[in-house]
Amino acid sequence: MHTNTHPIESTDSTLLAYGREVGKLLSSSSAESWSDELWTMFTGYIISLKEQGHAPDLCDTYFSFRELVAFFENVERIGRGEEEV
């Protein structure tokens, strides 16, 4: 994954909008469940590669999944009242 991140000068309304979207996402399941499901999806992807063949972007896909899992782990810590890491 070759994405450049640029700091976004967020206003309170932007941060609140992000928070609402995360809240909607987490309303269907806990952050821990999301993390588990992400690894289940990634595992299924890896297993399917046997039939699909070579995946030159496998490394990027792995890091994308890992970043998503880290996001949900941070959200879970925040939900428990712990500091974001």
C-alpha atoms as a PDB file:
ATOM      1  CA  MET A   1       0.000   0.000   0.000  1.00  0.00           C
ATOM      2  CA  HIS A   2       1.547   3.261  -1.109  1.00  0.00           C
ATOM      3  CA  THR A   3      -0.665   5.910   0.359  1.00  0.00           C
ATOM      4  CA  ASN A   4       0.638   9.243   1.459  1.00  0.00           C
ATOM      5  CA  THR A   5      -1.043  10.692   4.464  1.00  0.00           C
ATOM      6  CA  HIS A   6      -1.475  14.384   4.786  1.00  0.00           C
ATOM      7  CA  PRO A   7      -2.454  16.053   8.009  1.00  0.00           C
ATOM      8  CA  ILE A   8      -6.003  17.269   7.771  1.00  0.00           C
ATOM      9  CA  GLU A   9      -6.842  20.398   9.652  1.00  0.00           C
ATOM     10  CA  SER A  10     -10.004  19.102  11.240  1.00  0.00           C
ATOM     11  CA  THR A  11     -12.667  21.171  12.803  1.00  0.00           C
ATOM     12  CA  ASP A  12     -14.689  19.904  15.720  1.00  0.00           C
ATOM     13  CA  SER A  13     -17.564  19.189  13.332  1.00  0.00           C
ATOM     14  CA  THR A  14     -15.295  17.003  11.178  1.00  0.00           C
ATOM     15  CA  LEU A  15     -14.104  15.033  14.197  1.00  0.00           C
ATOM     16  CA  LEU A  16     -17.684  14.608  15.368  1.00  0.00           C
ATOM     17  CA  ALA A  17     -18.690  13.356  11.914  1.00  0.00           C
ATOM     18  CA  TYR A  18     -15.857  10.814  11.994  1.00  0.00           C
ATOM     19  CA  GLY A  19     -16.974   9.767  15.457  1.00  0.00           C
ATOM     20  CA  ARG A  20     -20.560   9.280  14.283  1.00  0.00           C
ATOM     21  CA  GLU A  21     -19.400   7.092  11.400  1.00  0.00           C
ATOM     22  CA  VAL A  22     -17.247   4.965  13.709  1.00  0.00           C
ATOM     23  CA  GLY A  23     -20.191   4.754  16.101  1.00  0.00           C
ATOM     24  CA  LYS A  24     -22.454   3.502  13.314  1.00  0.00           C
ATOM     25  CA  LEU A  25     -19.870   0.921  12.306  1.00  0.00           C
ATOM     26  CA  LEU A  26     -19.419  -0.325  15.857  1.00  0.00           C
ATOM     27  CA  SER A  27     -23.151  -0.379  16.610  1.00  0.00           C
ATOM     28  CA  SER A  28     -23.479  -3.671  14.764  1.00  0.00           C
ATOM     29  CA  SER A  29     -20.630  -5.399  16.574  1.00  0.00           C
ATOM     30  CA  SER A  30     -17.854  -4.807  19.087  1.00  0.00           C
ATOM     31  CA  ALA A  31     -14.381  -3.668  18.093  1.00  0.00           C
ATOM     32  CA  GLU A  32     -13.049  -7.050  19.187  1.00  0.00           C
ATOM     33  CA  SER A  33     -15.523  -8.842  16.902  1.00  0.00           C
ATOM     34  CA  TRP A  34     -14.534  -6.584  14.002  1.00  0.00           C
ATOM     35  CA  SER A  35     -10.868  -7.473  14.561  1.00  0.00           C
ATOM     36  CA  ASP A  36     -11.675 -11.187  14.615  1.00  0.00           C
ATOM     37  CA  GLU A  37     -13.768 -10.888  11.451  1.00  0.00           C
ATOM     38  CA  LEU A  38     -11.030  -8.999   9.629  1.00  0.00           C
ATOM     39  CA  TRP A  39      -8.537 -11.774  10.341  1.00  0.00           C
ATOM     40  CA  THR A  40     -11.135 -14.346   9.245  1.00  0.00           C
ATOM     41  CA  MET A  41     -11.543 -12.476   5.935  1.00  0.00           C
ATOM     42  CA  PHE A  42      -7.798 -12.255   5.450  1.00  0.00           C
ATOM     43  CA  THR A  43      -7.376 -15.943   6.224  1.00  0.00           C
ATOM     44  CA  GLY A  44     -10.050 -16.785   3.642  1.00  0.00           C
ATOM     45  CA  TYR A  45      -8.248 -14.610   1.128  1.00  0.00           C
ATOM     46  CA  ILE A  46      -4.973 -16.426   1.768  1.00  0.00           C
ATOM     47  CA  ILE A  47      -6.664 -19.808   1.399  1.00  0.00           C
ATOM     48  CA  SER A  48      -8.318 -18.720  -1.859  1.00  0.00           C
ATOM     49  CA  LEU A  49      -4.923 -17.805  -3.323  1.00  0.00           C
ATOM     50  CA  LYS A  50      -4.329 -21.515  -3.851  1.00  0.00           C
ATOM     51  CA  GLU A  51      -6.975 -21.401  -6.584  1.00  0.00           C
ATOM     52  CA  GLN A  52      -6.402 -17.810  -7.746  1.00  0.00           C
ATOM     53  CA  GLY A  53      -2.675 -18.049  -8.137  1.00  0.00           C
ATOM     54  CA  HIS A  54       0.048 -15.523  -7.469  1.00  0.00           C
ATOM     55  CA  ALA A  55      -0.970 -12.271  -5.768  1.00  0.00           C
ATOM     56  CA  PRO A  56       1.677  -9.608  -6.328  1.00  0.00           C
ATOM     57  CA  ASP A  57      -0.110  -7.210  -3.967  1.00  0.00           C
ATOM     58  CA  LEU A  58      -0.308  -9.690  -1.081  1.00  0.00           C
ATOM     59  CA  CYS A  59       2.077  -7.660   1.059  1.00  0.00           C
ATOM     60  CA  ASP A  60      -0.013  -4.502   0.606  1.00  0.00           C
ATOM     61  CA  THR A  61      -3.195  -6.422   1.393  1.00  0.00           C
ATOM     62  CA  TYR A  62      -1.670  -7.838   4.566  1.00  0.00           C
ATOM     63  CA  PHE A  63      -0.606  -4.398   5.791  1.00  0.00           C
ATOM     64  CA  SER A  64      -4.045  -2.950   4.986  1.00  0.00           C
ATOM     65  CA  PHE A  65      -5.706  -5.644   7.073  1.00  0.00           C
ATOM     66  CA  ARG A  66      -3.166  -5.174   9.852  1.00  0.00           C
ATOM     67  CA  GLU A  67      -3.850  -1.423   9.925  1.00  0.00           C
ATOM     68  CA  LEU A  68      -7.598  -2.031  10.101  1.00  0.00           C
ATOM     69  CA  VAL A  69      -7.119  -4.470  12.982  1.00  0.00           C
ATOM     70  CA  ALA A  70      -4.906  -1.928  14.790  1.00  0.00           C
ATOM     71  CA  PHE A  71      -7.626   0.695  14.289  1.00  0.00           C
ATOM     72  CA  PHE A  72     -10.249  -1.514  15.917  1.00  0.00           C
ATOM     73  CA  GLU A  73      -7.869  -2.416  18.749  1.00  0.00           C
ATOM     74  CA  ASN A  74      -7.355   1.317  19.419  1.00  0.00           C
ATOM     75  CA  VAL A  75     -11.107   1.917  19.287  1.00  0.00           C
ATOM     76  CA  GLU A  76     -11.613  -0.863  21.816  1.00  0.00           C
ATOM     77  CA  ARG A  77      -8.993   0.666  24.147  1.00  0.00           C
ATOM     78  CA  ILE A  78     -10.668   4.062  23.838  1.00  0.00           C
ATOM     79  CA  GLY A  79     -14.011   2.415  24.633  1.00  0.00           C
ATOM     80  CA  ARG A  80     -12.510   0.983  27.828  1.00  0.00           C
ATOM     81  CA  GLY A  81     -11.323   4.458  28.781  1.00  0.00           C
ATOM     82  CA  GLU A  82      -7.675   3.777  28.060  1.00  0.00           C
ATOM     83  CA  GLU A  83      -5.455   6.166  26.142  1.00  0.00           C
ATOM     84  CA  GLU A  84      -5.095   5.738  22.398  1.00  0.00           C
ATOM     85  CA  VAL A  85      -1.740   4.195  21.536  1.00  0.00           C
END
